[in-house]
Amino acid sequence: MSSPNITLYTHGTFITVNKRHEIIIDGSMLVEGSRIAAIGKFGKLEYQGKDLPSNINLIDLEGNIVIPGLINTHSHLAQSLLRGLAEDLPLHSWLCDAVWPLEANYFGDDGYVAAILTIAEMLKSGTTCFLEAMLTHRSGWENVVRAVGETGIRACLGKLVKAQESNAQLNISDPRDRDLANMSISAALSAHASYHGTFSDRLHVWMAAGTPRGSPISAHSAIGAACRAHNIGLTMHCAEAAKDLEIYREYYDCSPLQFCERTELTGPRTVLAHVVHPDLSVDLEILRKTGTTVSHNPSSNCKLASGIAPIPEMMAAGVNVAMGTDGGPCNNTYDMIREMHLASMLHSGTKKTAGIVSAYDALCMATINGARALGLESEIGSLDVGKKADFVVVTPTGVEAAPWDMRQVKEGGIDPVTVVVHSCTGKDVQKVVVDGVTLVEKGELMGINEGNILERAREAVRGIRQKAGVKAKNSSRLNYI
């Protein structure tokens, strides 16, 4: 049996996001197989109480910043194909008039093409693990599983489970409901039994509960009970728009989190996306005491005019806040570095308190808090000995990051966390490693033909648009000639 591959990364600036909040200047990290074997100052590594192995690969990272792999806790893989097709619409019009009709007309390999396209963008911008928020039937479950297997990314796939009934009084129609039989609890349990833990445990299967919009409370209780009985992670869009808060009050006579608690939808293995409109008098305490995570999606919430989630209040209450990009048509990118930047800037402006969500807070949301949300805190989310070697190398050498220099950090120079969160974007990612395997090198994908997937994506969306009859909404001020 051959010994595992051993690589020593040297002379980098390592933002560990560990419990001691250490930033290692001129550091080294030893990766043995799929795990971090040692990390510390250059020349002072402690490796199992012995000398470093002789059969070692050396990679010099001088001038680079190393961060844990970014964890996107709310993403829609299918929606990368729909980028630009649902502009300037509020949430419910965006769903009913554009996104749902388009998603209902995926066919054949469309879901595979969309998944590969999304994963490619995620990897190139530093995301090493994601939670798929609502995998619809037309995307093709096997399509997305195949994409995860081929690309090497780490994934939690939320299989959509929808209630069999909804309240027609809300005037919300979903063309995806023609596939309701395939969006059942039994279908999700079957997928979990077949695929959970596959690809060397890189793929986990979750349930994605449909948003309560007048559907029977018993249907949601059944989803919660099934997840608890089988120890399955659960995600759901919750209190995203102001109208959603009205629905909870009118149809269920409770707050959003009271509904979730009563139906067993809360808990340490639950990620609630958005939570822009909670009842602050009761909901934050429910989130805290149940260990439920909120996935903050500032770009999507701003673009769809949903509002701004009370993240500072959640943080002060002890709620675990993670981060997500949402999908292509409501963010237009899956770049978590851009999302960190907005998350940190936005709340200072709305609360008129500088630094109320700091750059480091945002980085924690995108790393260790996301790992905690997915039940993977012992495996990923920080650069610690024994954890999986999921990490990202950022190269801040452009004018937008100057005059940052590693040697100046201790002298009161620019904080490397600020450089990553506020001066960089995904285009500054140079290397991405998942499970010890390099998936992005010098900013380029390894093992994925990017040109081929771009051409297939363009062809796929033509067919989807034609079948759905949905066209992009263009500004009345623009004249196309």
Protein backbone atom coordinates (compact mmCIF):
# COMPACT_ATOMS: atom_id res chain seq x y z
CA MET A 1 0.00 0.00 0.00
CA SER A 2 1.47 3.36 -1.07
CA SER A 3 1.93 6.17 1.43
CA PRO A 4 -0.44 9.16 1.17
CA ASN A 5 0.54 12.22 -0.81
CA ILE A 6 2.30 14.73 1.47
CA THR A 7 2.58 18.44 0.60
CA LEU A 8 4.13 21.26 2.60
CA TYR A 9 2.77 24.74 1.84
CA THR A 10 5.23 27.40 3.02
CA HIS A 11 5.62 31.17 3.50
CA GLY A 12 1.90 31.97 3.27
CA THR A 13 -0.29 34.10 5.52
CA PHE A 14 -2.75 31.63 7.07
CA ILE A 15 -6.06 32.97 8.40
CA THR A 16 -6.97 29.89 10.42
CA VAL A 17 -10.44 30.88 11.78
CA ASN A 18 -9.58 28.51 14.63
CA LYS A 19 -10.83 28.88 18.21
CA ARG A 20 -7.85 31.10 19.03
CA HIS A 21 -8.51 33.33 15.98
CA GLU A 22 -4.88 32.90 14.90
CA ILE A 23 -3.37 34.49 11.82
CA ILE A 24 -0.01 32.90 11.06
CA ILE A 25 2.38 35.24 9.27
CA ASP A 26 5.05 33.44 7.22
CA GLY A 27 3.39 30.16 8.06
CA SER A 28 3.48 26.59 6.82
CA MET A 29 0.84 23.91 6.52
CA LEU A 30 1.47 20.20 6.01
CA VAL A 31 -1.21 18.22 4.18
CA GLU A 32 -1.05 14.45 4.39
CA GLY A 33 -3.55 12.72 2.14
CA SER A 34 -6.91 14.43 2.68
CA ARG A 35 -6.14 16.06 6.05
CA ILE A 36 -4.11 18.82 7.63
CA ALA A 37 -1.23 17.16 9.49
CA ALA A 38 0.49 20.27 10.88
CA ILE A 39 0.21 24.06 10.76
CA GLY A 40 2.35 26.77 12.30
CA LYS A 41 5.22 29.21 11.77
CA PHE A 42 7.64 28.37 8.98
CA GLY A 43 10.42 26.14 10.25
CA LYS A 44 8.62 25.40 13.53
CA LEU A 45 6.00 22.82 12.56
CA GLU A 46 5.14 20.16 15.10
CA TYR A 47 4.47 16.94 13.20
CA GLN A 48 3.49 14.00 15.40
CA GLY A 49 6.55 14.67 17.59
CA LYS A 50 8.99 13.77 14.82
CA ASP A 51 10.82 15.18 11.81
CA LEU A 52 8.94 15.98 8.61
CA PRO A 53 8.75 13.12 6.08
CA SER A 54 11.38 13.02 3.36
CA ASN A 55 8.97 12.24 0.48
CA ILE A 56 7.37 15.67 0.51
CA ASN A 57 6.09 18.11 -2.12
CA LEU A 58 7.00 21.76 -1.46
CA ILE A 59 4.77 24.64 -2.58
CA ASP A 60 5.87 28.21 -1.87
CA LEU A 61 2.95 30.56 -1.11
CA GLU A 62 4.89 33.74 -0.41
CA GLY A 63 2.66 36.78 -0.96
CA ASN A 64 -0.51 34.68 -0.79
CA ILE A 65 -3.26 34.47 1.84
CA VAL A 66 -4.70 31.07 2.78
CA ILE A 67 -8.24 30.77 4.16
CA PRO A 68 -10.47 27.81 4.94
CA GLY A 69 -12.66 26.70 2.05
CA LEU A 70 -15.76 28.88 1.79
CA ILE A 71 -19.09 27.24 2.63
CA ASN A 72 -22.18 28.42 0.75
CA THR A 73 -25.18 27.47 2.89
CA HIS A 74 -27.87 28.61 0.46
CA SER A 75 -27.46 28.04 -3.26
CA HIS A 76 -29.60 26.88 -6.17
CA LEU A 77 -27.55 24.84 -8.62
CA ALA A 78 -30.18 24.82 -11.37
CA GLN A 79 -30.53 28.58 -11.45
CA SER A 80 -27.17 29.50 -12.97
CA LEU A 81 -28.82 28.92 -16.37
CA LEU A 82 -31.43 31.57 -15.52
CA ARG A 83 -29.01 34.40 -14.84
CA GLY A 84 -30.41 37.69 -16.14
CA LEU A 85 -33.89 36.31 -16.91
CA ALA A 86 -35.77 37.68 -13.89
CA GLU A 87 -34.52 41.20 -13.33
CA ASP A 88 -36.16 44.01 -11.34
CA LEU A 89 -38.95 41.90 -9.86
CA PRO A 90 -40.11 41.51 -6.24
CA LEU A 91 -39.88 38.02 -4.80
CA HIS A 92 -43.35 36.60 -5.47
CA SER A 93 -43.52 37.95 -9.06
CA TRP A 94 -39.96 36.77 -9.58
CA LEU A 95 -41.00 33.25 -8.54
CA CYS A 96 -44.42 32.95 -10.17
CA ASP A 97 -43.76 34.78 -13.44
CA ALA A 98 -40.20 33.75 -14.21
CA VAL A 99 -38.22 31.31 -12.08
CA TRP A 100 -40.82 28.59 -11.42
CA PRO A 101 -42.05 28.41 -15.05
CA LEU A 102 -38.45 28.19 -16.25
CA GLU A 103 -37.47 25.52 -13.69
CA ALA A 104 -40.54 23.47 -14.65
CA ASN A 105 -39.23 23.16 -18.20
CA TYR A 106 -35.82 21.64 -17.57
CA PHE A 107 -35.37 18.47 -19.58
CA GLY A 108 -32.78 15.72 -20.02
CA ASP A 109 -29.27 16.90 -19.12
CA ASP A 110 -30.27 20.52 -18.43
CA GLY A 111 -29.90 20.02 -14.67
CA TYR A 112 -26.48 18.43 -15.10
CA VAL A 113 -25.28 21.31 -17.27
CA ALA A 114 -26.61 23.85 -14.76
CA ALA A 115 -25.01 22.02 -11.83
CA ILE A 116 -21.61 21.79 -13.53
CA LEU A 117 -21.80 25.48 -14.47
CA THR A 118 -22.65 26.52 -10.92
CA ILE A 119 -20.04 24.28 -9.32
CA ALA A 120 -17.40 25.58 -11.73
CA GLU A 121 -18.17 29.16 -10.68
CA MET A 122 -18.20 28.20 -7.01
CA LEU A 123 -14.85 26.45 -7.17
CA LYS A 124 -13.17 29.22 -9.12
CA SER A 125 -14.31 31.76 -6.53
CA GLY A 126 -13.25 29.72 -3.49
CA THR A 127 -16.33 27.73 -2.44
CA THR A 128 -15.39 24.18 -1.41
CA CYS A 129 -18.70 23.09 0.13
CA PHE A 130 -22.32 24.08 -0.46
CA LEU A 131 -25.89 23.38 0.61
CA GLU A 132 -28.29 23.05 -2.31
CA ALA A 133 -31.42 24.80 -1.05
CA MET A 134 -34.18 23.21 -3.11
CA LEU A 135 -33.32 20.59 -5.71
CA THR A 136 -36.38 20.33 -7.94
CA HIS A 137 -37.48 17.19 -9.77
CA ARG A 138 -36.91 18.55 -13.29
CA SER A 139 -33.24 19.23 -12.51
CA GLY A 140 -32.79 15.48 -12.19
CA TRP A 141 -31.45 14.14 -8.90
CA GLU A 142 -28.95 11.83 -10.61
CA ASN A 143 -27.81 14.73 -12.82
CA VAL A 144 -26.71 16.75 -9.81
CA VAL A 145 -25.20 13.80 -7.97
CA ARG A 146 -23.11 13.06 -11.07
CA ALA A 147 -21.93 16.67 -11.23
CA VAL A 148 -20.81 16.59 -7.58
CA GLY A 149 -18.99 13.31 -8.13
CA GLU A 150 -17.16 14.52 -11.23
CA THR A 151 -16.07 17.91 -9.92
CA GLY A 152 -14.70 16.91 -6.51
CA ILE A 153 -16.61 19.55 -4.53
CA ARG A 154 -18.18 18.85 -1.13
CA ALA A 155 -21.98 19.08 -1.14
CA CYS A 156 -25.16 18.78 0.90
CA LEU A 157 -28.03 18.32 -1.55
CA GLY A 158 -31.44 19.40 -0.29
CA LYS A 159 -34.09 17.34 -2.08
CA LEU A 160 -37.29 19.39 -2.32
CA VAL A 161 -40.26 18.03 -0.35
CA LYS A 162 -43.51 19.89 -0.99
CA ALA A 163 -46.89 19.68 0.68
CA GLN A 164 -49.56 17.99 -1.41
CA GLU A 165 -51.98 20.87 -0.87
CA SER A 166 -51.71 24.65 -0.86
CA ASN A 167 -54.14 27.49 -0.21
CA ALA A 168 -55.57 28.79 -3.47
CA GLN A 169 -56.61 32.03 -1.76
CA LEU A 170 -52.99 33.16 -1.86
CA ASN A 171 -53.07 33.19 -5.66
CA ILE A 172 -49.63 31.59 -5.85
CA SER A 173 -49.40 28.94 -8.58
CA ASP A 174 -46.32 26.77 -9.01
CA PRO A 175 -45.99 24.92 -12.35
CA ARG A 176 -43.48 22.57 -10.69
CA ASP A 177 -46.42 21.02 -8.82
CA ARG A 178 -47.05 18.70 -11.75
CA ASP A 179 -44.16 16.70 -10.29
CA LEU A 180 -45.51 16.57 -6.73
CA ALA A 181 -45.37 12.78 -6.60
CA ASN A 182 -41.59 12.99 -6.98
CA MET A 183 -41.25 15.61 -4.24
CA SER A 184 -42.44 13.44 -1.36
CA ILE A 185 -40.90 12.41 1.95
CA SER A 186 -40.55 8.83 0.70
CA ALA A 187 -38.67 10.01 -2.40
CA ALA A 188 -36.29 12.02 -0.20
CA LEU A 189 -35.72 9.06 2.13
CA SER A 190 -34.95 6.85 -0.87
CA ALA A 191 -32.39 9.36 -2.15
CA HIS A 192 -30.81 9.54 1.30
CA ALA A 193 -30.53 5.77 1.52
CA SER A 194 -28.91 5.54 -1.91
CA TYR A 195 -26.55 8.52 -1.99
CA HIS A 196 -25.79 9.87 1.50
CA GLY A 197 -22.07 9.51 2.24
CA THR A 198 -21.05 8.69 -1.33
CA PHE A 199 -17.88 9.96 -3.05
CA SER A 200 -15.75 9.37 0.06
CA ASP A 201 -18.39 11.13 2.18
CA ARG A 202 -18.23 14.32 0.11
CA LEU A 203 -21.96 14.12 -0.67
CA HIS A 204 -24.63 14.37 2.03
CA VAL A 205 -28.36 14.22 1.38
CA TRP A 206 -30.70 16.69 3.09
CA MET A 207 -34.40 17.51 2.83
CA ALA A 208 -35.53 20.91 1.59
CA ALA A 209 -38.98 21.72 2.92
CA GLY A 210 -41.27 23.78 0.72
CA THR A 211 -42.04 27.24 2.06
CA PRO A 212 -45.28 27.35 4.11
CA ARG A 213 -47.76 29.35 2.04
CA GLY A 214 -51.09 28.17 3.36
CA SER A 215 -50.28 24.45 3.12
CA PRO A 216 -51.47 22.19 5.97
CA ILE A 217 -49.36 22.41 9.11
CA SER A 218 -49.50 18.60 9.31
CA ALA A 219 -47.52 18.34 6.07
CA HIS A 220 -44.66 20.34 7.52
CA SER A 221 -44.78 18.40 10.79
CA ALA A 222 -44.37 15.20 8.80
CA ILE A 223 -41.23 16.58 7.13
CA GLY A 224 -39.76 17.63 10.47
CA ALA A 225 -40.55 14.28 12.06
CA ALA A 226 -38.99 12.35 9.17
CA CYS A 227 -35.78 14.37 9.38
CA ARG A 228 -35.49 13.86 13.12
CA ALA A 229 -36.26 10.14 12.88
CA HIS A 230 -33.57 9.56 10.25
CA ASN A 231 -31.05 12.23 11.41
CA ILE A 232 -31.32 14.09 8.11
CA GLY A 233 -30.39 17.74 7.72
CA LEU A 234 -33.21 20.13 6.84
CA THR A 235 -33.28 23.46 5.05
CA MET A 236 -36.13 25.84 4.22
CA HIS A 237 -36.72 29.37 2.99
CA CYS A 238 -38.19 31.24 5.95
CA ALA A 239 -39.74 34.72 6.34
CA GLU A 240 -37.93 35.94 3.23
CA ALA A 241 -40.41 38.65 2.17
CA ALA A 242 -42.71 40.84 4.24
CA LYS A 243 -45.69 39.02 2.72
CA ASP A 244 -44.37 35.74 4.17
CA LEU A 245 -44.67 37.14 7.69
CA GLU A 246 -48.30 38.01 6.97
CA ILE A 247 -48.93 34.42 5.80
CA TYR A 248 -47.56 32.96 9.04
CA ARG A 249 -49.77 35.26 11.07
CA GLU A 250 -52.95 34.88 8.99
CA TYR A 251 -52.89 31.17 8.17
CA TYR A 252 -50.99 29.72 11.13
CA ASP A 253 -51.59 32.31 13.88
CA CYS A 254 -47.95 32.37 14.96
CA SER A 255 -44.55 33.82 14.17
CA PRO A 256 -42.26 32.20 11.57
CA LEU A 257 -40.07 30.51 14.19
CA GLN A 258 -43.01 29.48 16.35
CA PHE A 259 -44.30 27.66 13.26
CA CYS A 260 -40.94 26.00 12.72
CA GLU A 261 -40.64 24.95 16.35
CA ARG A 262 -44.17 23.51 16.45
CA THR A 263 -43.52 21.43 13.31
CA GLU A 264 -40.08 20.11 14.43
CA LEU A 265 -38.35 22.10 11.71
CA THR A 266 -35.86 23.69 14.12
CA GLY A 267 -32.66 22.22 15.52
CA PRO A 268 -28.87 22.01 15.11
CA ARG A 269 -29.27 20.26 11.73
CA THR A 270 -31.61 22.96 10.36
CA VAL A 271 -30.59 25.85 8.10
CA LEU A 272 -33.27 28.50 7.57
CA ALA A 273 -32.51 30.76 4.65
CA HIS A 274 -33.06 34.53 4.71
CA VAL A 275 -35.18 35.10 7.90
CA VAL A 276 -35.48 38.74 6.88
CA HIS A 277 -38.80 39.25 8.68
CA PRO A 278 -38.78 37.39 12.00
CA ASP A 279 -40.81 38.45 15.01
CA LEU A 280 -37.96 39.86 17.08
CA SER A 281 -39.93 39.51 20.31
CA VAL A 282 -39.91 35.68 20.16
CA ASP A 283 -38.04 34.34 17.14
CA LEU A 284 -34.43 35.10 18.06
CA GLU A 285 -34.74 33.21 21.32
CA ILE A 286 -36.21 30.20 19.49
CA LEU A 287 -33.32 30.27 17.03
CA ARG A 288 -30.79 30.45 19.86
CA LYS A 289 -32.22 27.79 22.16
CA THR A 290 -32.80 25.27 19.34
CA GLY A 291 -29.38 25.79 17.73
CA THR A 292 -31.01 26.58 14.40
CA THR A 293 -28.82 28.33 11.81
CA VAL A 294 -29.81 31.32 9.69
CA SER A 295 -28.23 31.57 6.24
CA HIS A 296 -27.70 35.26 5.45
CA ASN A 297 -28.16 36.17 1.77
CA PRO A 298 -27.70 39.94 1.56
CA SER A 299 -27.34 40.27 -2.23
CA SER A 300 -30.51 38.32 -2.98
CA ASN A 301 -32.51 40.08 -0.27
CA CYS A 302 -31.49 43.48 -1.62
CA LYS A 303 -32.07 42.65 -5.28
CA LEU A 304 -35.54 41.18 -4.72
CA ALA A 305 -36.49 44.08 -2.43
CA SER A 306 -37.14 41.63 0.39
CA GLY A 307 -35.40 43.76 2.99
CA ILE A 308 -32.37 43.33 5.21
CA ALA A 309 -32.20 40.57 7.80
CA PRO A 310 -31.58 41.68 11.41
CA ILE A 311 -28.17 40.00 11.51
CA PRO A 312 -26.61 42.17 14.25
CA GLU A 313 -29.55 41.34 16.51
CA MET A 314 -29.17 37.64 15.71
CA MET A 315 -25.45 37.72 16.46
CA ALA A 316 -26.06 39.53 19.74
CA ALA A 317 -28.65 36.89 20.68
CA GLY A 318 -26.18 34.04 20.09
CA VAL A 319 -27.73 32.71 16.87
CA ASN A 320 -25.42 30.84 14.48
CA VAL A 321 -25.39 32.94 11.29
CA ALA A 322 -23.92 31.42 8.14
CA MET A 323 -23.90 32.80 4.61
CA GLY A 324 -25.19 31.97 1.13
CA THR A 325 -25.34 33.48 -2.32
CA ASP A 326 -28.80 32.18 -3.33
CA GLY A 327 -29.17 31.66 -7.09
CA GLY A 328 -28.06 33.16 -10.39
CA PRO A 329 -31.24 35.15 -11.16
CA CYS A 330 -31.36 36.89 -7.76
CA ASN A 331 -27.67 37.53 -7.16
CA ASN A 332 -26.08 37.04 -10.59
CA THR A 333 -22.98 35.42 -9.11
CA TYR A 334 -22.11 32.59 -6.73
CA ASP A 335 -19.04 34.48 -5.48
CA MET A 336 -18.87 34.13 -1.68
CA ILE A 337 -16.09 36.70 -1.37
CA ARG A 338 -18.37 39.35 -2.86
CA GLU A 339 -21.11 38.16 -0.50
CA MET A 340 -18.82 38.55 2.53
CA HIS A 341 -18.00 42.10 1.46
CA LEU A 342 -21.67 43.10 1.22
CA ALA A 343 -22.59 41.36 4.47
CA SER A 344 -19.95 43.33 6.33
CA MET A 345 -20.69 46.71 4.71
CA LEU A 346 -24.49 46.58 4.64
CA HIS A 347 -25.22 46.46 8.36
CA SER A 348 -22.83 49.27 9.22
CA GLY A 349 -24.90 51.44 6.90
CA THR A 350 -28.34 50.37 8.10
CA LYS A 351 -27.41 50.47 11.79
CA LYS A 352 -25.18 53.55 11.46
CA THR A 353 -22.55 51.71 13.51
CA ALA A 354 -19.22 51.10 11.83
CA GLY A 355 -17.97 47.52 12.12
CA ILE A 356 -21.16 46.12 13.67
CA VAL A 357 -20.56 43.15 11.36
CA SER A 358 -16.80 43.11 10.91
CA ALA A 359 -14.83 41.59 8.06
CA TYR A 360 -13.83 38.77 10.41
CA ASP A 361 -17.48 38.22 11.38
CA ALA A 362 -18.32 37.85 7.69
CA LEU A 363 -15.44 35.43 7.15
CA CYS A 364 -16.65 33.32 10.08
CA MET A 365 -20.15 33.23 8.58
CA ALA A 366 -18.67 31.94 5.34
CA THR A 367 -16.45 29.31 6.98
CA ILE A 368 -16.74 27.94 10.52
CA ASN A 369 -20.37 29.03 11.03
CA GLY A 370 -21.28 27.32 7.78
CA ALA A 371 -19.48 24.16 8.86
CA ARG A 372 -21.41 24.22 12.16
CA ALA A 373 -24.65 24.67 10.23
CA LEU A 374 -23.99 21.56 8.15
CA GLY A 375 -22.90 19.42 11.10
CA LEU A 376 -19.34 19.39 9.73
CA GLU A 377 -17.56 21.63 12.25
CA SER A 378 -15.21 18.82 13.29
CA GLU A 379 -14.18 18.25 9.66
CA ILE A 380 -14.07 21.60 7.85
CA GLY A 381 -14.48 25.35 8.39
CA SER A 382 -11.09 26.19 9.89
CA LEU A 383 -7.42 25.38 9.34
CA ASP A 384 -6.79 22.94 12.20
CA VAL A 385 -4.70 19.80 12.54
CA GLY A 386 -6.84 16.76 11.83
CA LYS A 387 -9.44 18.57 9.77
CA LYS A 388 -10.02 17.98 6.09
CA ALA A 389 -7.65 19.80 3.75
CA ASP A 390 -10.30 22.12 2.29
CA PHE A 391 -8.65 25.48 1.73
CA VAL A 392 -8.30 28.40 -0.66
CA VAL A 393 -5.23 30.38 -1.70
CA VAL A 394 -5.97 34.02 -2.52
CA THR A 395 -3.41 36.12 -4.39
CA PRO A 396 -3.99 39.81 -3.57
CA THR A 397 -1.32 41.25 -5.86
CA GLY A 398 -3.45 43.69 -7.86
CA VAL A 399 -3.66 47.42 -7.37
CA GLU A 400 -7.03 47.02 -5.61
CA ALA A 401 -5.30 45.23 -2.70
CA ALA A 402 -2.19 47.45 -2.48
CA PRO A 403 -0.32 48.33 -0.38
CA TRP A 404 -0.92 45.10 1.54
CA ASP A 405 2.26 43.21 2.28
CA MET A 406 2.73 40.24 4.59
CA ARG A 407 5.77 41.78 6.25
CA GLN A 408 3.84 44.87 7.34
CA VAL A 409 1.02 43.08 9.18
CA LYS A 410 2.68 43.08 12.61
CA GLU A 411 3.83 46.67 12.10
CA GLY A 412 0.24 47.88 11.89
CA GLY A 413 -0.12 47.32 8.17
CA ILE A 414 -3.34 46.26 6.48
CA ASP A 415 -5.17 43.36 8.12
CA PRO A 416 -5.17 40.35 5.76
CA VAL A 417 -8.80 39.60 6.68
CA THR A 418 -9.79 43.04 5.42
CA VAL A 419 -7.78 42.45 2.25
CA VAL A 420 -9.67 39.23 1.45
CA VAL A 421 -13.16 40.42 2.40
CA HIS A 422 -13.05 44.00 1.14
CA SER A 423 -10.36 44.18 -1.56
CA CYS A 424 -10.66 40.81 -3.30
CA THR A 425 -13.25 38.94 -5.33
CA GLY A 426 -13.42 35.36 -6.54
CA LYS A 427 -11.16 36.33 -9.43
CA ASP A 428 -8.28 36.63 -6.97
CA VAL A 429 -8.53 32.93 -6.05
CA GLN A 430 -5.41 31.16 -7.26
CA LYS A 431 -5.74 27.65 -5.82
CA VAL A 432 -8.58 25.60 -4.34
CA VAL A 433 -8.07 22.29 -2.55
CA VAL A 434 -10.84 19.92 -1.40
CA ASP A 435 -10.10 16.70 0.48
CA GLY A 436 -6.42 17.30 -0.25
CA VAL A 437 -7.03 17.34 -4.01
CA THR A 438 -6.26 20.48 -6.04
CA LEU A 439 -9.37 21.45 -8.04
CA VAL A 440 -8.29 24.94 -9.11
CA GLU A 441 -4.71 25.82 -10.03
CA LYS A 442 -3.55 29.29 -11.13
CA GLY A 443 -7.20 30.29 -11.29
CA GLU A 444 -8.10 27.53 -13.76
CA LEU A 445 -10.32 24.51 -13.20
CA MET A 446 -8.65 21.12 -13.14
CA GLY A 447 -10.48 18.36 -15.01
CA ILE A 448 -13.40 20.50 -16.23
CA ASN A 449 -13.55 21.74 -19.82
CA GLU A 450 -14.82 25.25 -19.16
CA GLY A 451 -15.36 26.11 -22.82
CA ASN A 452 -17.48 23.01 -23.34
CA ILE A 453 -19.71 23.66 -20.34
CA LEU A 454 -20.25 27.29 -21.37
CA GLU A 455 -21.42 26.25 -24.83
CA ARG A 456 -23.72 23.57 -23.40
CA ALA A 457 -25.18 26.11 -20.97
CA ARG A 458 -26.00 28.54 -23.78
CA GLU A 459 -27.71 25.80 -25.76
CA ALA A 460 -29.67 24.49 -22.75
CA VAL A 461 -31.15 27.84 -21.78
CA ARG A 462 -32.41 28.43 -25.32
CA GLY A 463 -34.56 25.31 -25.07
CA ILE A 464 -35.74 26.15 -21.54
CA ARG A 465 -36.77 29.69 -22.53
CA GLN A 466 -38.64 28.48 -25.61
CA LYS A 467 -40.61 25.83 -23.69
CA ALA A 468 -41.41 28.17 -20.79
CA GLY A 469 -42.25 31.19 -22.93
CA VAL A 470 -40.32 33.45 -20.56
CA LYS A 471 -38.24 36.31 -21.88
CA ALA A 472 -35.91 38.61 -20.00
CA LYS A 473 -37.46 41.89 -18.88
CA ASN A 474 -35.48 44.65 -20.55
CA SER A 475 -35.51 48.28 -19.53
CA SER A 476 -37.96 50.46 -21.47
CA ARG A 477 -35.16 53.00 -21.80
CA LEU A 478 -33.01 50.68 -23.88
CA ASN A 479 -33.29 50.32 -27.65
CA TYR A 480 -31.87 47.16 -29.20
CA ILE A 481 -30.98 47.73 -32.87
